[in-house]
Amino acid sequence: MTDMSGHPAAPTASDHRIVNGLSVDVEEWFQVGAFENVIDPADWDSLESRVERNIALILDLFEEAGAKATFFTLGWVAERHPAMIRRIVDAGHEIASHGYDHARVFTFDRAQFADDISKARKIIEDASGQKVIGYRAPSFSIDQRTPWAFEVLAEQGYAYSSSVAPVTHDHYGWPSAPRFAFRPVAGADLVEIPVATAMMRGKRLAAGGGGFFRVLPYAFSRWAIEQLNDEAGRPAPFYFHPWEVDPDQPRVAGAPLRSRVRHYTNLSRMAGKLRRLLQDFAWGRMDTLASLEAARATDFPG
């Protein structure tokens, strides 16, 4: 069996656990949505870069656990850190696109979005020497406002996307979207792999990583992934960011209180929680997960 890039698909774990999708959204600490109104992108190049140090730590964690992952990378980052991108690829991980500079999809029109993902893809492929077939929208910003973005991804030949959070949230979300893999464009091969959710009393709960994993007790994430694997028989697409393993990153005093609380809570505990997560479940690349899920993807042309 091969994955969508033509590479041999990662085998399931020896104990037959479901292999979940492990991913990292590669961006700097100053590029997050929480700070977009207080840090001017024109100042980014003057700020301290910490992404290489954080990626090195993450690669060590993955190697220790024998886990492979997908790194959804900003073109802006790949442009400035090509050696880091090559290190990721050389370790056997997938490189995919996170757009160029973390602008959310609903800030573009169709032509602008096409230009953004084309530009990012070229930069990332040049840095990695690897074909880019996967995409994740910044802040899961493909939603009911922007279903046309899937058409653009299909037109540009992307095999899969992981850009939908099928929940209600104050920062993102498409609550009416399917929980599991779906085909968003009729007649196209493109598969969308929504980030993981769990069910409690008929309500969907965000359970795919990021701030939810970092802030909530580990027991919640373990329960949610076990529910997906054991009850639903589905893999859990999980993500986090390099800055989440960096408790020494600069503090942004001018950001809203809610943003600061979300961004800085439990940074010092994140690496330990990740180590436990990597031990407790089986993990693989998103292209492998997408290949396996494509056979049971439902149709949902938004």
C-alpha atoms as a PDB file:
ATOM      1  CA  MET A   1       0.000   0.000   0.000  1.00  0.00           C
ATOM      2  CA  THR A   2       1.237   3.502  -0.807  1.00  0.00           C
ATOM      3  CA  ASP A   3       0.229   6.909   0.479  1.00  0.00           C
ATOM      4  CA  MET A   4      -0.954   9.819  -1.690  1.00  0.00           C
ATOM      5  CA  SER A   5       2.597  10.883  -2.478  1.00  0.00           C
ATOM      6  CA  GLY A   6       3.502   7.421  -3.775  1.00  0.00           C
ATOM      7  CA  HIS A   7       5.615   6.540  -0.725  1.00  0.00           C
ATOM      8  CA  PRO A   8       5.003   3.271   1.129  1.00  0.00           C
ATOM      9  CA  ALA A   9       2.220   3.756   3.645  1.00  0.00           C
ATOM     10  CA  ALA A  10       3.194   3.508   7.285  1.00  0.00           C
ATOM     11  CA  PRO A  11       2.097   0.170   8.715  1.00  0.00           C
ATOM     12  CA  THR A  12      -0.344   0.032  11.556  1.00  0.00           C
ATOM     13  CA  ALA A  13       1.117  -0.472  15.001  1.00  0.00           C
ATOM     14  CA  SER A  14       2.107  -4.011  15.943  1.00  0.00           C
ATOM     15  CA  ASP A  15      -0.724  -4.188  18.478  1.00  0.00           C
ATOM     16  CA  HIS A  16      -3.244  -3.226  15.750  1.00  0.00           C
ATOM     17  CA  ARG A  17      -4.123   0.145  17.207  1.00  0.00           C
ATOM     18  CA  ILE A  18      -5.584   2.678  14.794  1.00  0.00           C
ATOM     19  CA  VAL A  19      -2.879   4.995  13.483  1.00  0.00           C
ATOM     20  CA  ASN A  20      -3.879   8.591  14.162  1.00  0.00           C
ATOM     21  CA  GLY A  21      -2.816  11.641  12.163  1.00  0.00           C
ATOM     22  CA  LEU A  22      -0.038  13.690  13.758  1.00  0.00           C
ATOM     23  CA  SER A  23       0.608  17.218  12.481  1.00  0.00           C
ATOM     24  CA  VAL A  24       2.469  20.408  13.341  1.00  0.00           C
ATOM     25  CA  ASP A  25       1.379  23.841  12.103  1.00  0.00           C
ATOM     26  CA  VAL A  26       4.765  25.453  11.509  1.00  0.00           C
ATOM     27  CA  GLU A  27       4.676  29.146  12.319  1.00  0.00           C
ATOM     28  CA  GLU A  28       6.539  31.619  14.527  1.00  0.00           C
ATOM     29  CA  TRP A  29       5.246  32.739  17.928  1.00  0.00           C
ATOM     30  CA  PHE A  30       4.408  36.170  16.510  1.00  0.00           C
ATOM     31  CA  GLN A  31       2.324  34.892  13.581  1.00  0.00           C
ATOM     32  CA  VAL A  32      -0.626  33.510  15.514  1.00  0.00           C
ATOM     33  CA  GLY A  33      -4.158  34.837  15.100  1.00  0.00           C
ATOM     34  CA  ALA A  34      -4.234  35.869  18.759  1.00  0.00           C
ATOM     35  CA  PHE A  35      -1.677  38.600  18.074  1.00  0.00           C
ATOM     36  CA  GLU A  36      -2.724  39.699  14.598  1.00  0.00           C
ATOM     37  CA  ASN A  37      -4.087  43.029  15.839  1.00  0.00           C
ATOM     38  CA  VAL A  38      -1.066  43.934  17.964  1.00  0.00           C
ATOM     39  CA  ILE A  39       1.928  42.740  15.910  1.00  0.00           C
ATOM     40  CA  ASP A  40       2.364  44.270  12.469  1.00  0.00           C
ATOM     41  CA  PRO A  41       3.543  41.752   9.831  1.00  0.00           C
ATOM     42  CA  ALA A  42       5.894  44.473   8.624  1.00  0.00           C
ATOM     43  CA  ASP A  43       7.790  43.958  11.904  1.00  0.00           C
ATOM     44  CA  TRP A  44       8.076  40.171  11.701  1.00  0.00           C
ATOM     45  CA  ASP A  45      11.620  40.134  10.325  1.00  0.00           C
ATOM     46  CA  SER A  46      12.810  42.302  13.213  1.00  0.00           C
ATOM     47  CA  LEU A  47      11.474  39.911  15.882  1.00  0.00           C
ATOM     48  CA  GLU A  48      13.348  37.008  17.427  1.00  0.00           C
ATOM     49  CA  SER A  49      12.935  33.809  15.442  1.00  0.00           C
ATOM     50  CA  ARG A  50      12.439  30.738  17.648  1.00  0.00           C
ATOM     51  CA  VAL A  51      10.963  28.254  15.208  1.00  0.00           C
ATOM     52  CA  GLU A  52      14.171  26.313  14.478  1.00  0.00           C
ATOM     53  CA  ARG A  53      14.858  25.694  18.146  1.00  0.00           C
ATOM     54  CA  ASN A  54      11.284  24.520  18.692  1.00  0.00           C
ATOM     55  CA  ILE A  55      11.235  22.275  15.630  1.00  0.00           C
ATOM     56  CA  ALA A  56      14.471  20.641  16.790  1.00  0.00           C
ATOM     57  CA  LEU A  57      12.838  19.770  20.109  1.00  0.00           C
ATOM     58  CA  ILE A  58       9.749  18.401  18.327  1.00  0.00           C
ATOM     59  CA  LEU A  59      11.824  16.277  15.958  1.00  0.00           C
ATOM     60  CA  ASP A  60      13.622  14.787  18.950  1.00  0.00           C
ATOM     61  CA  LEU A  61      10.285  13.961  20.604  1.00  0.00           C
ATOM     62  CA  PHE A  62       9.035  12.272  17.429  1.00  0.00           C
ATOM     63  CA  GLU A  63      12.249  10.304  16.971  1.00  0.00           C
ATOM     64  CA  GLU A  64      12.132   9.135  20.578  1.00  0.00           C
ATOM     65  CA  ALA A  65       8.589   7.833  20.038  1.00  0.00           C
ATOM     66  CA  GLY A  66       9.185   6.463  16.540  1.00  0.00           C
ATOM     67  CA  ALA A  67       6.368   8.681  15.235  1.00  0.00           C
ATOM     68  CA  LYS A  68       6.038  10.261  11.806  1.00  0.00           C
ATOM     69  CA  ALA A  69       4.082  13.460  11.210  1.00  0.00           C
ATOM     70  CA  THR A  70       3.055  16.095   8.710  1.00  0.00           C
ATOM     71  CA  PHE A  71       4.420  19.612   9.086  1.00  0.00           C
ATOM     72  CA  PHE A  72       1.949  22.139   7.641  1.00  0.00           C
ATOM     73  CA  THR A  73       4.384  24.960   6.989  1.00  0.00           C
ATOM     74  CA  LEU A  74       4.007  28.637   6.194  1.00  0.00           C
ATOM     75  CA  GLY A  75       5.739  29.666   2.990  1.00  0.00           C
ATOM     76  CA  TRP A  76       7.105  32.670   4.926  1.00  0.00           C
ATOM     77  CA  VAL A  77       8.868  30.307   7.322  1.00  0.00           C
ATOM     78  CA  ALA A  78      10.156  27.944   4.626  1.00  0.00           C
ATOM     79  CA  GLU A  79      11.566  30.921   2.735  1.00  0.00           C
ATOM     80  CA  ARG A  80      13.713  31.885   5.729  1.00  0.00           C
ATOM     81  CA  HIS A  81      14.585  28.455   7.122  1.00  0.00           C
ATOM     82  CA  PRO A  82      15.187  26.054   4.202  1.00  0.00           C
ATOM     83  CA  ALA A  83      17.729  23.994   6.156  1.00  0.00           C
ATOM     84  CA  MET A  84      15.111  23.333   8.838  1.00  0.00           C
ATOM     85  CA  ILE A  85      12.675  22.169   6.163  1.00  0.00           C
ATOM     86  CA  ARG A  86      15.253  19.751   4.784  1.00  0.00           C
ATOM     87  CA  ARG A  87      15.870  18.376   8.271  1.00  0.00           C
ATOM     88  CA  ILE A  88      12.154  17.653   8.636  1.00  0.00           C
ATOM     89  CA  VAL A  89      12.058  15.824   5.293  1.00  0.00           C
ATOM     90  CA  ASP A  90      15.278  13.932   5.986  1.00  0.00           C
ATOM     91  CA  ALA A  91      13.698  12.594   9.183  1.00  0.00           C
ATOM     92  CA  GLY A  92      10.925  10.987   7.133  1.00  0.00           C
ATOM     93  CA  HIS A  93       8.125  13.460   7.797  1.00  0.00           C
ATOM     94  CA  GLU A  94       5.744  15.006   5.285  1.00  0.00           C
ATOM     95  CA  ILE A  95       5.898  18.686   4.357  1.00  0.00           C
ATOM     96  CA  ALA A  96       2.566  20.310   3.494  1.00  0.00           C
ATOM     97  CA  SER A  97       1.281  23.862   3.056  1.00  0.00           C
ATOM     98  CA  HIS A  98      -0.162  26.249   5.645  1.00  0.00           C
ATOM     99  CA  GLY A  99      -0.421  29.116   3.162  1.00  0.00           C
ATOM    100  CA  TYR A 100       2.150  31.864   2.827  1.00  0.00           C
ATOM    101  CA  ASP A 101       1.811  34.180   5.839  1.00  0.00           C
ATOM    102  CA  HIS A 102      -1.079  32.896   7.981  1.00  0.00           C
ATOM    103  CA  ALA A 103      -3.742  35.094   6.403  1.00  0.00           C
ATOM    104  CA  ARG A 104      -7.105  33.448   6.950  1.00  0.00           C
ATOM    105  CA  VAL A 105      -8.978  32.228   3.885  1.00  0.00           C
ATOM    106  CA  PHE A 106     -11.985  34.504   4.368  1.00  0.00           C
ATOM    107  CA  THR A 107      -9.694  37.551   3.991  1.00  0.00           C
ATOM    108  CA  PHE A 108      -9.084  36.555   0.332  1.00  0.00           C
ATOM    109  CA  ASP A 109     -11.194  36.462  -2.756  1.00  0.00           C
ATOM    110  CA  ARG A 110     -10.872  33.403  -4.973  1.00  0.00           C
ATOM    111  CA  ALA A 111      -8.021  34.781  -7.104  1.00  0.00           C
ATOM    112  CA  GLN A 112      -6.060  35.980  -4.090  1.00  0.00           C
ATOM    113  CA  PHE A 113      -6.397  32.612  -2.404  1.00  0.00           C
ATOM    114  CA  ALA A 114      -5.180  30.864  -5.555  1.00  0.00           C
ATOM    115  CA  ASP A 115      -2.137  33.131  -5.630  1.00  0.00           C
ATOM    116  CA  ASP A 116      -1.424  32.572  -1.921  1.00  0.00           C
ATOM    117  CA  ILE A 117      -1.424  28.789  -2.032  1.00  0.00           C
ATOM    118  CA  SER A 118       0.486  28.687  -5.319  1.00  0.00           C
ATOM    119  CA  LYS A 119       3.188  30.987  -3.950  1.00  0.00           C
ATOM    120  CA  ALA A 120       3.496  29.046  -0.689  1.00  0.00           C
ATOM    121  CA  ARG A 121       3.625  25.701  -2.455  1.00  0.00           C
ATOM    122  CA  LYS A 122       6.481  26.722  -4.745  1.00  0.00           C
ATOM    123  CA  ILE A 123       8.555  28.042  -1.844  1.00  0.00           C
ATOM    124  CA  ILE A 124       7.948  24.945   0.277  1.00  0.00           C
ATOM    125  CA  GLU A 125       8.700  22.550  -2.567  1.00  0.00           C
ATOM    126  CA  ASP A 126      11.899  24.412  -3.432  1.00  0.00           C
ATOM    127  CA  ALA A 127      13.039  24.258   0.202  1.00  0.00           C
ATOM    128  CA  SER A 128      12.043  20.639   0.801  1.00  0.00           C
ATOM    129  CA  GLY A 129      12.638  18.933  -2.522  1.00  0.00           C
ATOM    130  CA  GLN A 130       9.322  17.191  -1.837  1.00  0.00           C
ATOM    131  CA  LYS A 131       6.029  17.473  -3.686  1.00  0.00           C
ATOM    132  CA  VAL A 132       3.365  19.241  -1.611  1.00  0.00           C
ATOM    133  CA  ILE A 133      -0.016  17.512  -1.791  1.00  0.00           C
ATOM    134  CA  GLY A 134      -1.636  18.623   1.487  1.00  0.00           C
ATOM    135  CA  TYR A 135      -2.955  21.930   2.794  1.00  0.00           C
ATOM    136  CA  ARG A 136      -4.240  23.301   6.092  1.00  0.00           C
ATOM    137  CA  ALA A 137      -5.922  26.692   6.213  1.00  0.00           C
ATOM    138  CA  PRO A 138      -4.608  29.084   8.874  1.00  0.00           C
ATOM    139  CA  SER A 139      -6.911  28.965  11.907  1.00  0.00           C
ATOM    140  CA  PHE A 140      -9.093  26.337  10.166  1.00  0.00           C
ATOM    141  CA  SER A 141     -10.567  29.165   8.116  1.00  0.00           C
ATOM    142  CA  ILE A 142     -12.292  27.160   5.412  1.00  0.00           C
ATOM    143  CA  ASP A 143     -15.900  27.267   6.561  1.00  0.00           C
ATOM    144  CA  GLN A 144     -19.425  28.027   5.332  1.00  0.00           C
ATOM    145  CA  ARG A 145     -18.184  31.400   4.032  1.00  0.00           C
ATOM    146  CA  THR A 146     -15.418  29.948   1.869  1.00  0.00           C
ATOM    147  CA  PRO A 147     -16.407  26.556   0.382  1.00  0.00           C
ATOM    148  CA  TRP A 148     -15.059  27.822  -2.967  1.00  0.00           C
ATOM    149  CA  ALA A 149     -11.562  27.397  -1.490  1.00  0.00           C
ATOM    150  CA  PHE A 150     -11.900  23.646  -1.963  1.00  0.00           C
ATOM    151  CA  GLU A 151     -12.495  24.172  -5.671  1.00  0.00           C
ATOM    152  CA  VAL A 152      -9.253  26.143  -5.883  1.00  0.00           C
ATOM    153  CA  LEU A 153      -7.353  23.438  -4.026  1.00  0.00           C
ATOM    154  CA  ALA A 154      -8.751  20.808  -6.384  1.00  0.00           C
ATOM    155  CA  GLU A 155      -7.866  22.914  -9.429  1.00  0.00           C
ATOM    156  CA  GLN A 156      -4.266  23.148  -8.204  1.00  0.00           C
ATOM    157  CA  GLY A 157      -4.027  19.396  -7.731  1.00  0.00           C
ATOM    158  CA  TYR A 158      -3.961  19.090  -3.958  1.00  0.00           C
ATOM    159  CA  ALA A 159      -4.799  15.554  -2.827  1.00  0.00           C
ATOM    160  CA  TYR A 160      -6.091  16.446   0.614  1.00  0.00           C
ATOM    161  CA  SER A 161      -6.886  19.282   2.977  1.00  0.00           C
ATOM    162  CA  SER A 162      -7.199  19.355   6.762  1.00  0.00           C
ATOM    163  CA  SER A 163      -8.753  22.785   7.091  1.00  0.00           C
ATOM    164  CA  VAL A 164     -12.128  22.328   8.775  1.00  0.00           C
ATOM    165  CA  ALA A 165     -12.968  22.379  12.475  1.00  0.00           C
ATOM    166  CA  PRO A 166     -16.523  20.969  12.568  1.00  0.00           C
ATOM    167  CA  VAL A 167     -17.412  22.715  15.841  1.00  0.00           C
ATOM    168  CA  THR A 168     -18.750  25.997  17.182  1.00  0.00           C
ATOM    169  CA  HIS A 169     -15.941  28.236  18.439  1.00  0.00           C
ATOM    170  CA  ASP A 170     -15.450  31.973  18.828  1.00  0.00           C
ATOM    171  CA  HIS A 171     -12.353  31.968  16.606  1.00  0.00           C
ATOM    172  CA  TYR A 172     -13.253  29.429  13.897  1.00  0.00           C
ATOM    173  CA  GLY A 173     -15.570  26.554  13.071  1.00  0.00           C
ATOM    174  CA  TRP A 174     -18.027  25.014  10.608  1.00  0.00           C
ATOM    175  CA  PRO A 175     -20.452  23.158  12.892  1.00  0.00           C
ATOM    176  CA  SER A 176     -22.574  21.711  10.083  1.00  0.00           C
ATOM    177  CA  ALA A 177     -19.596  20.076   8.339  1.00  0.00           C
ATOM    178  CA  PRO A 178     -19.081  16.304   8.691  1.00  0.00           C
ATOM    179  CA  ARG A 179     -16.947  15.062  11.572  1.00  0.00           C
ATOM    180  CA  PHE A 180     -15.044  12.644   9.368  1.00  0.00           C
ATOM    181  CA  ALA A 181     -13.409  12.587   5.937  1.00  0.00           C
ATOM    182  CA  PHE A 182     -15.472  14.057   3.116  1.00  0.00           C
ATOM    183  CA  ARG A 183     -15.181  15.040  -0.532  1.00  0.00           C
ATOM    184  CA  PRO A 184     -15.972  18.743  -0.820  1.00  0.00           C
ATOM    185  CA  VAL A 185     -15.880  19.048  -4.623  1.00  0.00           C
ATOM    186  CA  ALA A 186     -18.134  16.862  -6.759  1.00  0.00           C
ATOM    187  CA  GLY A 187     -16.152  14.818  -9.262  1.00  0.00           C
ATOM    188  CA  ALA A 188     -12.755  15.717  -7.717  1.00  0.00           C
ATOM    189  CA  ASP A 189     -10.364  13.492  -5.798  1.00  0.00           C
ATOM    190  CA  LEU A 190      -9.710  16.093  -3.082  1.00  0.00           C
ATOM    191  CA  VAL A 191     -10.406  14.757   0.425  1.00  0.00           C
ATOM    192  CA  GLU A 192     -10.993  16.945   3.479  1.00  0.00           C
ATOM    193  CA  ILE A 193      -9.844  15.513   6.826  1.00  0.00           C
ATOM    194  CA  PRO A 194     -11.497  17.574   9.595  1.00  0.00           C
ATOM    195  CA  VAL A 195      -9.656  18.009  12.875  1.00  0.00           C
ATOM    196  CA  ALA A 196     -10.720  15.570  15.603  1.00  0.00           C
ATOM    197  CA  THR A 197     -13.892  16.003  17.615  1.00  0.00           C
ATOM    198  CA  ALA A 198     -15.499  13.945  20.383  1.00  0.00           C
ATOM    199  CA  MET A 199     -19.151  13.555  21.294  1.00  0.00           C
ATOM    200  CA  MET A 200     -20.677  14.182  24.705  1.00  0.00           C
ATOM    201  CA  ARG A 201     -24.450  14.196  25.259  1.00  0.00           C
ATOM    202  CA  GLY A 202     -25.047  14.848  21.579  1.00  0.00           C
ATOM    203  CA  LYS A 203     -22.656  17.797  21.403  1.00  0.00           C
ATOM    204  CA  ARG A 204     -19.444  17.969  19.411  1.00  0.00           C
ATOM    205  CA  LEU A 205     -16.347  18.887  21.384  1.00  0.00           C
ATOM    206  CA  ALA A 206     -13.080  20.096  19.858  1.00  0.00           C
ATOM    207  CA  ALA A 207     -10.517  17.409  20.630  1.00  0.00           C
ATOM    208  CA  GLY A 208      -7.860  17.707  17.940  1.00  0.00           C
ATOM    209  CA  GLY A 209      -5.065  19.370  19.848  1.00  0.00           C
ATOM    210  CA  GLY A 210      -3.753  22.920  19.963  1.00  0.00           C
ATOM    211  CA  GLY A 211      -4.906  24.998  22.897  1.00  0.00           C
ATOM    212  CA  PHE A 212      -7.512  22.424  23.950  1.00  0.00           C
ATOM    213  CA  PHE A 213      -4.800  19.807  24.450  1.00  0.00           C
ATOM    214  CA  ARG A 214      -2.456  22.211  26.193  1.00  0.00           C
ATOM    215  CA  VAL A 215      -4.992  23.813  28.553  1.00  0.00           C
ATOM    216  CA  LEU A 216      -7.296  20.914  29.454  1.00  0.00           C
ATOM    217  CA  PRO A 217      -6.245  17.914  31.562  1.00  0.00           C
ATOM    218  CA  TYR A 218      -4.538  15.142  29.608  1.00  0.00           C
ATOM    219  CA  ALA A 219      -7.342  12.766  30.571  1.00  0.00           C
ATOM    220  CA  PHE A 220      -9.748  14.652  28.289  1.00  0.00           C
ATOM    221  CA  SER A 221      -7.598  14.162  25.193  1.00  0.00           C
ATOM    222  CA  ARG A 222      -6.976  10.522  26.033  1.00  0.00           C
ATOM    223  CA  TRP A 223     -10.720   9.929  26.453  1.00  0.00           C
ATOM    224  CA  ALA A 224     -11.542  11.751  23.201  1.00  0.00           C
ATOM    225  CA  ILE A 225      -9.007   9.860  21.099  1.00  0.00           C
ATOM    226  CA  GLU A 226     -10.046   6.548  22.650  1.00  0.00           C
ATOM    227  CA  GLN A 227     -13.670   7.383  21.786  1.00  0.00           C
ATOM    228  CA  LEU A 228     -12.738   8.010  18.160  1.00  0.00           C
ATOM    229  CA  ASN A 229     -10.525   4.939  17.864  1.00  0.00           C
ATOM    230  CA  ASP A 230     -12.529   2.419  19.877  1.00  0.00           C
ATOM    231  CA  GLU A 231     -16.157   3.522  19.458  1.00  0.00           C
ATOM    232  CA  ALA A 232     -16.167   5.223  16.062  1.00  0.00           C
ATOM    233  CA  GLY A 233     -13.335   3.168  14.579  1.00  0.00           C
ATOM    234  CA  ARG A 234     -11.775   6.329  13.110  1.00  0.00           C
ATOM    235  CA  PRO A 235      -8.345   7.945  13.383  1.00  0.00           C
ATOM    236  CA  ALA A 236      -7.932  11.229  15.256  1.00  0.00           C
ATOM    237  CA  PRO A 237      -6.324  14.073  13.263  1.00  0.00           C
ATOM    238  CA  PHE A 238      -4.265  15.951  15.878  1.00  0.00           C
ATOM    239  CA  TYR A 239      -2.227  19.168  15.630  1.00  0.00           C
ATOM    240  CA  PHE A 240      -0.109  21.577  17.645  1.00  0.00           C
ATOM    241  CA  HIS A 241       2.309  24.466  17.024  1.00  0.00           C
ATOM    242  CA  PRO A 242       6.067  24.821  17.591  1.00  0.00           C
ATOM    243  CA  TRP A 243       5.585  27.811  19.891  1.00  0.00           C
ATOM    244  CA  GLU A 244       3.496  25.618  22.216  1.00  0.00           C
ATOM    245  CA  VAL A 245       6.634  23.799  23.421  1.00  0.00           C
ATOM    246  CA  ASP A 246       8.449  27.089  24.111  1.00  0.00           C
ATOM    247  CA  PRO A 247       7.756  28.492  27.615  1.00  0.00           C
ATOM    248  CA  ASP A 248      10.563  31.060  27.219  1.00  0.00           C
ATOM    249  CA  GLN A 249       9.084  32.843  24.207  1.00  0.00           C
ATOM    250  CA  PRO A 250       8.602  36.636  24.446  1.00  0.00           C
ATOM    251  CA  ARG A 251       5.405  37.911  26.027  1.00  0.00           C
ATOM    252  CA  VAL A 252       3.110  40.208  24.042  1.00  0.00           C
ATOM    253  CA  ALA A 253       1.754  42.654  26.606  1.00  0.00           C
ATOM    254  CA  GLY A 254      -0.648  44.480  24.298  1.00  0.00           C
ATOM    255  CA  ALA A 255      -2.715  41.436  23.328  1.00  0.00           C
ATOM    256  CA  PRO A 256      -6.249  40.972  24.733  1.00  0.00           C
ATOM    257  CA  LEU A 257      -6.398  39.150  28.063  1.00  0.00           C
ATOM    258  CA  ARG A 258      -8.287  36.185  26.593  1.00  0.00           C
ATOM    259  CA  SER A 259      -5.663  35.799  23.885  1.00  0.00           C
ATOM    260  CA  ARG A 260      -2.814  35.939  26.389  1.00  0.00           C
ATOM    261  CA  VAL A 261      -4.452  33.362  28.646  1.00  0.00           C
ATOM    262  CA  ARG A 262      -5.029  30.988  25.746  1.00  0.00           C
ATOM    263  CA  HIS A 263      -1.581  31.455  24.292  1.00  0.00           C
ATOM    264  CA  TYR A 264       0.594  31.169  27.391  1.00  0.00           C
ATOM    265  CA  THR A 265      -1.234  28.661  29.615  1.00  0.00           C
ATOM    266  CA  ASN A 266       0.706  25.437  30.300  1.00  0.00           C
ATOM    267  CA  LEU A 267       3.526  26.058  27.826  1.00  0.00           C
ATOM    268  CA  SER A 268       5.955  24.487  30.287  1.00  0.00           C
ATOM    269  CA  ARG A 269       3.868  21.305  30.445  1.00  0.00           C
ATOM    270  CA  MET A 270       3.314  20.842  26.728  1.00  0.00           C
ATOM    271  CA  ALA A 271       6.410  18.768  25.889  1.00  0.00           C
ATOM    272  CA  GLY A 272       5.653  16.324  28.687  1.00  0.00           C
ATOM    273  CA  LYS A 273       2.024  15.964  27.611  1.00  0.00           C
ATOM    274  CA  LEU A 274       3.110  15.370  24.028  1.00  0.00           C
ATOM    275  CA  ARG A 275       5.566  12.692  25.123  1.00  0.00           C
ATOM    276  CA  ARG A 276       2.751  10.906  26.949  1.00  0.00           C
ATOM    277  CA  LEU A 277       0.397  11.227  23.968  1.00  0.00           C
ATOM    278  CA  LEU A 278       2.995   9.790  21.606  1.00  0.00           C
ATOM    279  CA  GLN A 279       3.431   6.803  23.916  1.00  0.00           C
ATOM    280  CA  ASP A 280      -0.279   6.155  24.493  1.00  0.00           C
ATOM    281  CA  PHE A 281      -1.417   6.103  20.845  1.00  0.00           C
ATOM    282  CA  ALA A 282      -0.103   5.193  17.390  1.00  0.00           C
ATOM    283  CA  TRP A 283       0.725   8.104  15.084  1.00  0.00           C
ATOM    284  CA  GLY A 284       1.479   8.645  11.402  1.00  0.00           C
ATOM    285  CA  ARG A 285       1.572  11.217   8.615  1.00  0.00           C
ATOM    286  CA  MET A 286      -1.513  12.982   7.345  1.00  0.00           C
ATOM    287  CA  ASP A 287      -0.978  11.863   3.749  1.00  0.00           C
ATOM    288  CA  THR A 288      -1.144   8.254   4.929  1.00  0.00           C
ATOM    289  CA  LEU A 289      -4.290   8.951   6.938  1.00  0.00           C
ATOM    290  CA  ALA A 290      -5.889  10.725   3.974  1.00  0.00           C
ATOM    291  CA  SER A 291      -5.112   7.788   1.684  1.00  0.00           C
ATOM    292  CA  LEU A 292      -6.788   5.375   4.069  1.00  0.00           C
ATOM    293  CA  GLU A 293      -9.792   7.610   4.780  1.00  0.00           C
ATOM    294  CA  ALA A 294     -10.434   8.427   1.114  1.00  0.00           C
ATOM    295  CA  ALA A 295     -12.195   5.099   0.593  1.00  0.00           C
ATOM    296  CA  ARG A 296     -14.916   5.977   3.113  1.00  0.00           C
ATOM    297  CA  ALA A 297     -15.135   9.719   2.602  1.00  0.00           C
ATOM    298  CA  THR A 298     -18.673  11.033   2.218  1.00  0.00           C
ATOM    299  CA  ASP A 299     -19.818  13.678  -0.267  1.00  0.00           C
ATOM    300  CA  PHE A 300     -20.315  17.156   1.197  1.00  0.00           C
ATOM    301  CA  PRO A 301     -20.069  19.911  -1.423  1.00  0.00           C
ATOM    302  CA  GLY A 302     -20.553  22.589   1.283  1.00  0.00           C
END
